[in-house]
C-alpha atoms as a PDB file:
ATOM      1  CA  UNK A   1     -55.377-118.592  22.999  1.00  0.00           C
ATOM      2  CA  UNK A   2     -58.224-117.294  20.827  1.00  0.00           C
ATOM      3  CA  UNK A   3     -59.113-113.613  20.630  1.00  0.00           C
ATOM      4  CA  UNK A   4     -62.450-114.372  22.300  1.00  0.00           C
ATOM      5  CA  UNK A   5     -60.693-115.779  25.345  1.00  0.00           C
ATOM      6  CA  UNK A   6     -58.141-112.966  25.431  1.00  0.00           C
ATOM      7  CA  UNK A   7     -60.882-110.348  25.135  1.00  0.00           C
ATOM      8  CA  UNK A   8     -62.929-111.786  28.004  1.00  0.00           C
ATOM      9  CA  UNK A   9     -59.941-112.056  30.300  1.00  0.00           C
ATOM     10  CA  UNK A  10     -58.902-108.476  29.609  1.00  0.00           C
ATOM     11  CA  UNK A  11     -62.120-106.555  28.882  1.00  0.00           C
ATOM     12  CA  UNK A  12     -63.480-104.711  31.941  1.00  0.00           C
ATOM     13  CA  UNK A  13     -66.924-105.246  33.413  1.00  0.00           C
ATOM     14  CA  UNK A  14     -68.580-102.256  35.055  1.00  0.00           C
ATOM     15  CA  UNK A  15     -70.424-102.983  38.289  1.00  0.00           C
ATOM     16  CA  UNK A  16     -73.511-101.032  39.295  1.00  0.00           C
ATOM     17  CA  UNK A  17     -73.704 -98.887  42.416  1.00  0.00           C
ATOM     18  CA  UNK A  18     -76.227-101.379  43.757  1.00  0.00           C
ATOM     19  CA  UNK A  19     -73.826-104.306  43.317  1.00  0.00           C
ATOM     20  CA  UNK A  20     -71.032-102.461  45.092  1.00  0.00           C
ATOM     21  CA  UNK A  21     -73.388-101.484  47.915  1.00  0.00           C
ATOM     22  CA  UNK A  22     -74.525-105.104  48.256  1.00  0.00           C
ATOM     23  CA  UNK A  23     -70.929-106.257  48.574  1.00  0.00           C
ATOM     24  CA  UNK A  24     -70.151-103.503  51.081  1.00  0.00           C
ATOM     25  CA  UNK A  25     -73.067-104.618  53.265  1.00  0.00           C
ATOM     26  CA  UNK A  26     -72.811-108.394  52.944  1.00  0.00           C
ATOM     27  CA  UNK A  27     -69.073-108.899  52.408  1.00  0.00           C
ATOM     28  CA  UNK A  28     -69.635-111.111  49.382  1.00  0.00           C
ATOM     29  CA  UNK A  29     -71.332-111.101  46.002  1.00  0.00           C
ATOM     30  CA  UNK A  30     -72.063-113.631  43.273  1.00  0.00           C
ATOM     31  CA  UNK A  31     -71.823-112.420  39.673  1.00  0.00           C
ATOM     32  CA  UNK A  32     -73.377-114.351  36.796  1.00  0.00           C
ATOM     33  CA  UNK A  33     -71.996-114.716  33.251  1.00  0.00           C
ATOM     34  CA  UNK A  34     -68.548-113.353  34.020  1.00  0.00           C
ATOM     35  CA  UNK A  35     -67.091-115.866  31.566  1.00  0.00           C
ATOM     36  CA  UNK A  36     -68.559-117.673  28.559  1.00  0.00           C
ATOM     37  CA  UNK A  37     -68.672-121.437  28.191  1.00  0.00           C
ATOM     38  CA  UNK A  38     -65.702-121.284  25.808  1.00  0.00           C
ATOM     39  CA  UNK A  39     -63.552-119.323  28.256  1.00  0.00           C
ATOM     40  CA  UNK A  40     -64.580-121.517  31.183  1.00  0.00           C
ATOM     41  CA  UNK A  41     -63.722-124.645  29.192  1.00  0.00           C
ATOM     42  CA  UNK A  42     -60.302-123.217  28.374  1.00  0.00           C
ATOM     43  CA  UNK A  43     -59.652-122.320  32.005  1.00  0.00           C
ATOM     44  CA  UNK A  44     -60.712-125.801  33.124  1.00  0.00           C
ATOM     45  CA  UNK A  45     -58.366-127.493  30.631  1.00  0.00           C
ATOM     46  CA  UNK A  46     -55.336-125.347  31.489  1.00  0.00           C
ATOM     47  CA  UNK A  47     -55.760-125.241  35.267  1.00  0.00           C
ATOM     48  CA  UNK A  48     -56.804-128.871  35.710  1.00  0.00           C
ATOM     49  CA  UNK A  49     -53.774-130.004  33.726  1.00  0.00           C
ATOM     50  CA  UNK A  50     -51.478-128.066  36.074  1.00  0.00           C
ATOM     51  CA  UNK A  51     -53.278-129.325  39.193  1.00  0.00           C
ATOM     52  CA  UNK A  52     -52.831-132.903  38.014  1.00  0.00           C
ATOM     53  CA  UNK A  53     -49.160-132.305  37.219  1.00  0.00           C
ATOM     54  CA  UNK A  54     -48.330-130.518  40.470  1.00  0.00           C
ATOM     55  CA  UNK A  55     -50.355-132.511  43.009  1.00  0.00           C
ATOM     56  CA  UNK A  56     -48.024-134.854  44.855  1.00  0.00           C
ATOM     57  CA  UNK A  57     -49.917-135.712  48.059  1.00  0.00           C
ATOM     58  CA  UNK A  58     -52.433-138.417  47.204  1.00  0.00           C
ATOM     59  CA  UNK A  59     -53.176-139.965  50.594  1.00  0.00           C
ATOM     60  CA  UNK A  60     -56.502-141.834  50.657  1.00  0.00           C
ATOM     61  CA  UNK A  61     -59.310-139.639  52.024  1.00  0.00           C
ATOM     62  CA  UNK A  62     -59.776-141.806  55.097  1.00  0.00           C
ATOM     63  CA  UNK A  63     -56.164-141.160  56.115  1.00  0.00           C
ATOM     64  CA  UNK A  64     -56.441-137.350  56.062  1.00  0.00           C
ATOM     65  CA  UNK A  65     -57.554-134.851  58.696  1.00  0.00           C
ATOM     66  CA  UNK A  66     -60.549-132.566  58.218  1.00  0.00           C
ATOM     67  CA  UNK A  67     -58.503-129.959  56.360  1.00  0.00           C
ATOM     68  CA  UNK A  68     -56.971-132.570  54.076  1.00  0.00           C
ATOM     69  CA  UNK A  69     -60.347-134.121  53.274  1.00  0.00           C
ATOM     70  CA  UNK A  70     -61.770-130.719  52.286  1.00  0.00           C
ATOM     71  CA  UNK A  71     -59.811-130.294  49.053  1.00  0.00           C
ATOM     72  CA  UNK A  72     -56.664-130.763  47.057  1.00  0.00           C
ATOM     73  CA  UNK A  73     -54.893-127.425  46.843  1.00  0.00           C
ATOM     74  CA  UNK A  74     -52.161-126.153  44.569  1.00  0.00           C
ATOM     75  CA  UNK A  75     -50.960-122.566  44.993  1.00  0.00           C
ATOM     76  CA  UNK A  76     -49.310-119.950  42.789  1.00  0.00           C
ATOM     77  CA  UNK A  77     -49.929-121.918  39.628  1.00  0.00           C
ATOM     78  CA  UNK A  78     -49.205-118.701  37.709  1.00  0.00           C
ATOM     79  CA  UNK A  79     -45.493-119.149  38.415  1.00  0.00           C
ATOM     80  CA  UNK A  80     -45.509-122.580  36.739  1.00  0.00           C
ATOM     81  CA  UNK A  81     -47.413-121.920  33.518  1.00  0.00           C
ATOM     82  CA  UNK A  82     -47.642-118.974  31.135  1.00  0.00           C
ATOM     83  CA  UNK A  83     -51.211-119.967  30.263  1.00  0.00           C
ATOM     84  CA  UNK A  84     -52.240-119.945  33.928  1.00  0.00           C
ATOM     85  CA  UNK A  85     -50.434-116.632  34.366  1.00  0.00           C
ATOM     86  CA  UNK A  86     -52.648-115.077  31.673  1.00  0.00           C
ATOM     87  CA  UNK A  87     -55.731-116.285  33.559  1.00  0.00           C
ATOM     88  CA  UNK A  88     -54.574-115.162  37.014  1.00  0.00           C
ATOM     89  CA  UNK A  89     -53.498-111.767  35.657  1.00  0.00           C
ATOM     90  CA  UNK A  90     -56.948-111.216  34.089  1.00  0.00           C
ATOM     91  CA  UNK A  91     -57.689-107.513  34.097  1.00  0.00           C
ATOM     92  CA  UNK A  92     -61.409-108.313  34.111  1.00  0.00           C
ATOM     93  CA  UNK A  93     -61.120-110.146  37.427  1.00  0.00           C
ATOM     94  CA  UNK A  94     -58.722-107.623  38.956  1.00  0.00           C
ATOM     95  CA  UNK A  95     -60.957-104.746  37.878  1.00  0.00           C
ATOM     96  CA  UNK A  96     -63.962-106.338  39.551  1.00  0.00           C
ATOM     97  CA  UNK A  97     -61.933-106.808  42.737  1.00  0.00           C
ATOM     98  CA  UNK A  98     -60.849-103.155  42.779  1.00  0.00           C
ATOM     99  CA  UNK A  99     -64.401-101.922  42.229  1.00  0.00           C
ATOM    100  CA  UNK A 100     -65.756-104.089  45.037  1.00  0.00           C
ATOM    101  CA  UNK A 101     -63.053-102.984  47.468  1.00  0.00           C
ATOM    102  CA  UNK A 102     -63.644 -99.381  46.341  1.00  0.00           C
ATOM    103  CA  UNK A 103     -59.945 -98.733  45.800  1.00  0.00           C
ATOM    104  CA  UNK A 104     -57.850 -97.552  42.855  1.00  0.00           C
ATOM    105  CA  UNK A 105     -55.923-100.739  42.143  1.00  0.00           C
ATOM    106  CA  UNK A 106     -55.211-104.241  43.431  1.00  0.00           C
ATOM    107  CA  UNK A 107     -52.113-106.338  43.834  1.00  0.00           C
ATOM    108  CA  UNK A 108     -51.897-110.140  43.662  1.00  0.00           C
ATOM    109  CA  UNK A 109     -51.485-111.962  46.964  1.00  0.00           C
ATOM    110  CA  UNK A 110     -51.536-115.453  45.475  1.00  0.00           C
ATOM    111  CA  UNK A 111     -53.678-117.875  43.513  1.00  0.00           C
ATOM    112  CA  UNK A 112     -54.961-121.210  44.746  1.00  0.00           C
ATOM    113  CA  UNK A 113     -56.681-124.130  43.018  1.00  0.00           C
ATOM    114  CA  UNK A 114     -59.134-125.893  45.342  1.00  0.00           C
ATOM    115  CA  UNK A 115     -60.280-129.243  43.979  1.00  0.00           C
ATOM    116  CA  UNK A 116     -62.766-131.137  46.149  1.00  0.00           C
ATOM    117  CA  UNK A 117     -62.504-134.806  45.234  1.00  0.00           C
ATOM    118  CA  UNK A 118     -65.439-137.197  44.840  1.00  0.00           C
ATOM    119  CA  UNK A 119     -66.491-137.962  48.404  1.00  0.00           C
ATOM    120  CA  UNK A 120     -64.367-135.070  49.696  1.00  0.00           C
ATOM    121  CA  UNK A 121     -65.396-133.687  53.072  1.00  0.00           C
ATOM    122  CA  UNK A 122     -66.860-130.385  54.129  1.00  0.00           C
ATOM    123  CA  UNK A 123     -64.769-127.224  54.427  1.00  0.00           C
ATOM    124  CA  UNK A 124     -65.270-125.892  57.983  1.00  0.00           C
ATOM    125  CA  UNK A 125     -66.337-122.351  58.797  1.00  0.00           C
ATOM    126  CA  UNK A 126     -63.337-120.020  58.654  1.00  0.00           C
ATOM    127  CA  UNK A 127     -62.079-116.592  57.559  1.00  0.00           C
ATOM    128  CA  UNK A 128     -59.202-116.572  55.073  1.00  0.00           C
ATOM    129  CA  UNK A 129     -57.441-113.555  56.529  1.00  0.00           C
ATOM    130  CA  UNK A 130     -56.464-115.508  59.644  1.00  0.00           C
ATOM    131  CA  UNK A 131     -53.604-116.776  57.466  1.00  0.00           C
ATOM    132  CA  UNK A 132     -52.518-113.440  55.985  1.00  0.00           C
ATOM    133  CA  UNK A 133     -49.989-110.955  57.506  1.00  0.00           C
ATOM    134  CA  UNK A 134     -51.764-107.989  55.932  1.00  0.00           C
ATOM    135  CA  UNK A 135     -52.282-104.590  57.523  1.00  0.00           C
ATOM    136  CA  UNK A 136     -55.875-103.845  56.458  1.00  0.00           C
ATOM    137  CA  UNK A 137     -59.126-105.529  55.526  1.00  0.00           C
ATOM    138  CA  UNK A 138     -58.901-104.458  51.855  1.00  0.00           C
ATOM    139  CA  UNK A 139     -58.575-108.038  50.640  1.00  0.00           C
ATOM    140  CA  UNK A 140     -60.890-110.117  48.491  1.00  0.00           C
ATOM    141  CA  UNK A 141     -60.936-113.619  47.035  1.00  0.00           C
ATOM    142  CA  UNK A 142     -62.387-114.428  43.624  1.00  0.00           C
ATOM    143  CA  UNK A 143     -63.886-117.955  43.791  1.00  0.00           C
ATOM    144  CA  UNK A 144     -64.156-119.276  40.242  1.00  0.00           C
ATOM    145  CA  UNK A 145     -65.883-122.655  39.754  1.00  0.00           C
ATOM    146  CA  UNK A 146     -64.706-124.299  36.542  1.00  0.00           C
ATOM    147  CA  UNK A 147     -68.079-126.014  36.103  1.00  0.00           C
ATOM    148  CA  UNK A 148     -71.662-125.508  37.163  1.00  0.00           C
ATOM    149  CA  UNK A 149     -71.701-126.270  40.895  1.00  0.00           C
ATOM    150  CA  UNK A 150     -74.983-127.643  42.271  1.00  0.00           C
ATOM    151  CA  UNK A 151     -75.481-128.192  46.040  1.00  0.00           C
ATOM    152  CA  UNK A 152     -74.281-131.793  45.936  1.00  0.00           C
ATOM    153  CA  UNK A 153     -70.906-130.705  44.477  1.00  0.00           C
ATOM    154  CA  UNK A 154     -70.068-128.440  47.436  1.00  0.00           C
ATOM    155  CA  UNK A 155     -70.422-124.736  46.529  1.00  0.00           C
ATOM    156  CA  UNK A 156     -69.410-121.993  48.958  1.00  0.00           C
ATOM    157  CA  UNK A 157     -71.777-120.999  51.751  1.00  0.00           C
ATOM    158  CA  UNK A 158     -71.459-117.421  53.001  1.00  0.00           C
ATOM    159  CA  UNK A 159     -72.396-115.985  56.385  1.00  0.00           C
ATOM    160  CA  UNK A 160     -73.720-112.636  55.233  1.00  0.00           C
ATOM    161  CA  UNK A 161     -72.208-109.634  57.029  1.00  0.00           C
ATOM    162  CA  UNK A 162     -70.001-111.812  59.240  1.00  0.00           C
ATOM    163  CA  UNK A 163     -66.840-109.891  58.312  1.00  0.00           C
ATOM    164  CA  UNK A 164     -67.944-107.595  61.166  1.00  0.00           C
ATOM    165  CA  UNK A 165     -67.613-110.449  63.691  1.00  0.00           C
ATOM    166  CA  UNK A 166     -64.298-110.635  65.563  1.00  0.00           C
ATOM    167  CA  UNK A 167     -64.956-113.902  67.419  1.00  0.00           C
ATOM    168  CA  UNK A 168     -63.205-116.793  65.666  1.00  0.00           C
ATOM    169  CA  UNK A 169     -60.647-114.704  63.822  1.00  0.00           C
ATOM    170  CA  UNK A 170     -57.915-116.573  65.682  1.00  0.00           C
ATOM    171  CA  UNK A 171     -58.982-120.001  64.406  1.00  0.00           C
ATOM    172  CA  UNK A 172     -57.496-121.884  61.429  1.00  0.00           C
ATOM    173  CA  UNK A 173     -59.638-124.188  59.286  1.00  0.00           C
ATOM    174  CA  UNK A 174     -60.384-127.056  61.666  1.00  0.00           C
ATOM    175  CA  UNK A 175     -63.045-128.988  63.547  1.00  0.00           C
ATOM    176  CA  UNK A 176     -62.644-126.388  66.294  1.00  0.00           C
ATOM    177  CA  UNK A 177     -63.377-123.465  63.961  1.00  0.00           C
ATOM    178  CA  UNK A 178     -66.398-125.307  62.581  1.00  0.00           C
ATOM    179  CA  UNK A 179     -67.996-125.880  65.970  1.00  0.00           C
ATOM    180  CA  UNK A 180     -67.160-122.490  67.493  1.00  0.00           C
ATOM    181  CA  UNK A 181     -68.340-120.554  64.464  1.00  0.00           C
ATOM    182  CA  UNK A 182     -71.422-122.698  63.889  1.00  0.00           C
ATOM    183  CA  UNK A 183     -72.594-121.818  67.391  1.00  0.00           C
ATOM    184  CA  UNK A 184     -71.454-118.183  67.307  1.00  0.00           C
ATOM    185  CA  UNK A 185     -72.870-117.322  63.890  1.00  0.00           C
ATOM    186  CA  UNK A 186     -76.193-118.891  64.834  1.00  0.00           C
ATOM    187  CA  UNK A 187     -76.380-117.133  68.199  1.00  0.00           C
ATOM    188  CA  UNK A 188     -75.478-113.773  66.628  1.00  0.00           C
ATOM    189  CA  UNK A 189     -78.230-114.178  64.039  1.00  0.00           C
ATOM    190  CA  UNK A 190     -76.145-114.104  60.877  1.00  0.00           C
ATOM    191  CA  UNK A 191     -77.951-115.226  57.729  1.00  0.00           C
ATOM    192  CA  UNK A 192     -76.239-117.946  55.697  1.00  0.00           C
ATOM    193  CA  UNK A 193     -76.416-118.102  51.895  1.00  0.00           C
ATOM    194  CA  UNK A 194     -75.846-121.524  50.303  1.00  0.00           C
ATOM    195  CA  UNK A 195     -76.728-121.479  46.610  1.00  0.00           C
ATOM    196  CA  UNK A 196     -75.575-123.325  43.494  1.00  0.00           C
ATOM    197  CA  UNK A 197     -73.288-121.635  40.981  1.00  0.00           C
ATOM    198  CA  UNK A 198     -74.173-121.550  37.299  1.00  0.00           C
ATOM    199  CA  UNK A 199     -71.410-122.145  34.762  1.00  0.00           C
ATOM    200  CA  UNK A 200     -69.576-118.832  34.333  1.00  0.00           C
ATOM    201  CA  UNK A 201     -70.825-117.473  37.671  1.00  0.00           C
ATOM    202  CA  UNK A 202     -68.168-116.489  40.190  1.00  0.00           C
ATOM    203  CA  UNK A 203     -68.127-114.965  43.667  1.00  0.00           C
ATOM    204  CA  UNK A 204     -65.998-112.482  45.572  1.00  0.00           C
ATOM    205  CA  UNK A 205     -65.714-112.461  49.368  1.00  0.00           C
ATOM    206  CA  UNK A 206     -63.812-110.327  51.855  1.00  0.00           C
ATOM    207  CA  UNK A 207     -60.850-111.789  53.705  1.00  0.00           C
ATOM    208  CA  UNK A 208     -62.639-111.592  57.064  1.00  0.00           C
ATOM    209  CA  UNK A 209     -65.974-113.000  55.842  1.00  0.00           C
ATOM    210  CA  UNK A 210     -66.769-116.356  57.425  1.00  0.00           C
ATOM    211  CA  UNK A 211     -67.640-119.049  54.900  1.00  0.00           C
ATOM    212  CA  UNK A 212     -67.682-122.817  54.454  1.00  0.00           C
ATOM    213  CA  UNK A 213     -68.477-125.457  51.830  1.00  0.00           C
ATOM    214  CA  UNK A 214     -70.490-128.656  51.930  1.00  0.00           C
ATOM    215  CA  UNK A 215     -69.009-132.076  51.069  1.00  0.00           C
ATOM    216  CA  UNK A 216     -68.776-133.298  47.492  1.00  0.00           C
ATOM    217  CA  UNK A 217     -71.456-135.979  47.402  1.00  0.00           C
ATOM    218  CA  UNK A 218     -70.910-136.842  43.727  1.00  0.00           C
ATOM    219  CA  UNK A 219     -68.488-139.006  41.764  1.00  0.00           C
ATOM    220  CA  UNK A 220     -67.093-135.913  40.007  1.00  0.00           C
ATOM    221  CA  UNK A 221     -64.325-133.511  40.974  1.00  0.00           C
ATOM    222  CA  UNK A 222     -65.419-130.047  42.127  1.00  0.00           C
ATOM    223  CA  UNK A 223     -62.908-127.846  40.340  1.00  0.00           C
ATOM    224  CA  UNK A 224     -62.388-124.284  41.585  1.00  0.00           C
ATOM    225  CA  UNK A 225     -59.714-121.676  40.907  1.00  0.00           C
ATOM    226  CA  UNK A 226     -59.258-118.778  43.315  1.00  0.00           C
ATOM    227  CA  UNK A 227     -57.325-115.537  43.045  1.00  0.00           C
ATOM    228  CA  UNK A 228     -56.651-113.454  46.164  1.00  0.00           C
ATOM    229  CA  UNK A 229     -56.284-109.697  45.730  1.00  0.00           C
ATOM    230  CA  UNK A 230     -55.148-106.985  48.111  1.00  0.00           C
ATOM    231  CA  UNK A 231     -54.990-103.212  47.975  1.00  0.00           C
ATOM    232  CA  UNK A 232     -51.967-102.218  45.880  1.00  0.00           C
ATOM    233  CA  UNK A 233     -50.878-100.097  48.867  1.00  0.00           C
ATOM    234  CA  UNK A 234     -51.143-103.000  51.331  1.00  0.00           C
ATOM    235  CA  UNK A 235     -48.388-103.165  53.951  1.00  0.00           C
ATOM    236  CA  UNK A 236     -46.959-106.192  55.661  1.00  0.00           C
ATOM    237  CA  UNK A 237     -47.918-106.398  59.335  1.00  0.00           C
ATOM    238  CA  UNK A 238     -46.208-108.176  62.189  1.00  0.00           C
ATOM    239  CA  UNK A 239     -47.336-111.814  61.846  1.00  0.00           C
ATOM    240  CA  UNK A 240     -49.839-112.896  64.494  1.00  0.00           C
ATOM    241  CA  UNK A 241     -49.317-116.665  64.157  1.00  0.00           C
ATOM    242  CA  UNK A 242     -47.075-119.266  62.544  1.00  0.00           C
ATOM    243  CA  UNK A 243     -49.326-119.479  59.483  1.00  0.00           C
ATOM    244  CA  UNK A 244     -48.800-115.775  58.818  1.00  0.00           C
ATOM    245  CA  UNK A 245     -45.041-116.206  59.121  1.00  0.00           C
ATOM    246  CA  UNK A 246     -45.246-119.000  56.548  1.00  0.00           C
ATOM    247  CA  UNK A 247     -47.384-116.844  54.235  1.00  0.00           C
ATOM    248  CA  UNK A 248     -44.895-113.983  54.527  1.00  0.00           C
ATOM    249  CA  UNK A 249     -42.010-116.234  53.521  1.00  0.00           C
ATOM    250  CA  UNK A 250     -43.969-118.039  50.796  1.00  0.00           C
ATOM    251  CA  UNK A 251     -46.195-115.450  49.081  1.00  0.00           C
ATOM    252  CA  UNK A 252     -44.350-112.171  49.679  1.00  0.00           C
ATOM    253  CA  UNK A 253     -40.698-113.062  50.306  1.00  0.00           C
ATOM    254  CA  UNK A 254     -38.509-110.025  50.799  1.00  0.00           C
ATOM    255  CA  UNK A 255     -41.348-107.775  51.962  1.00  0.00           C
ATOM    256  CA  UNK A 256     -40.602-105.820  55.132  1.00  0.00           C
ATOM    257  CA  UNK A 257     -42.903-105.220  58.077  1.00  0.00           C
ATOM    258  CA  UNK A 258     -44.553-101.821  57.810  1.00  0.00           C
ATOM    259  CA  UNK A 259     -43.723-101.407  54.120  1.00  0.00           C
ATOM    260  CA  UNK A 260     -45.841-101.857  50.967  1.00  0.00           C
ATOM    261  CA  UNK A 261     -45.759-105.470  49.756  1.00  0.00           C
ATOM    262  CA  UNK A 262     -44.065-104.769  46.441  1.00  0.00           C
ATOM    263  CA  UNK A 263     -42.304-108.006  45.458  1.00  0.00           C
ATOM    264  CA  UNK A 264     -41.959-109.966  42.230  1.00  0.00           C
ATOM    265  CA  UNK A 265     -44.674-112.339  43.454  1.00  0.00           C
ATOM    266  CA  UNK A 266     -47.114-109.495  44.192  1.00  0.00           C
ATOM    267  CA  UNK A 267     -47.553-107.483  41.007  1.00  0.00           C
ATOM    268  CA  UNK A 268     -50.179-104.787  40.552  1.00  0.00           C
ATOM    269  CA  UNK A 269     -52.859-106.255  38.266  1.00  0.00           C
ATOM    270  CA  UNK A 270     -55.004-103.203  37.544  1.00  0.00           C
END
């Protein structure tokens, strides 16, 4: 890894008060030029190689359900590759997450590559934290496209301020969540933001922010890496559904209900 790449992954970026206030109000923010073309190219090469190596389920799109058509996903790549580990443990990314959450430090929940195949379907409206057995809302996902992402490639769409909405928090990613939240978000007057991402631009969104993504209408793969952060003092809560039980056992094994999630898979990153 070149010094330029190492420096960008580790060097902090200072957010303005206005940027933090925007995130606090809207529940998401897009940040341009977080990484250079060289760093993005390196990340693409390393992560895409691991996604190709680790992806085992290759059912044809027409044989998958809505969730399966939305993307290929590979999780906790950092445990499989030292190069991916250096990316996921980026102090630049973790520092941005801590600033946006307005906390002292963040801990890793897990990483997740989300690759939307050519012709891949839409990602329904949902909130990520439905899946997480976490005791507070101090969670944030960094969504890192590994290429410029125009509308036809399926960038994220955010429902601004919708982290305040409690309706739909009990719904997994599904056709049901899409229809319920489409109607609810419209009736409640939430404003949706669907914009392309430039190369090197990334977003952060709260765990309870409702978001979706359009289909991939191109013949190219939409390649995205995500890193999920939580307050370093986050405690495990009593799981509310089977998905949260699975997350407990998979992403924070050994953690105890009511105690800080301090396991080998959940290191403090800044």
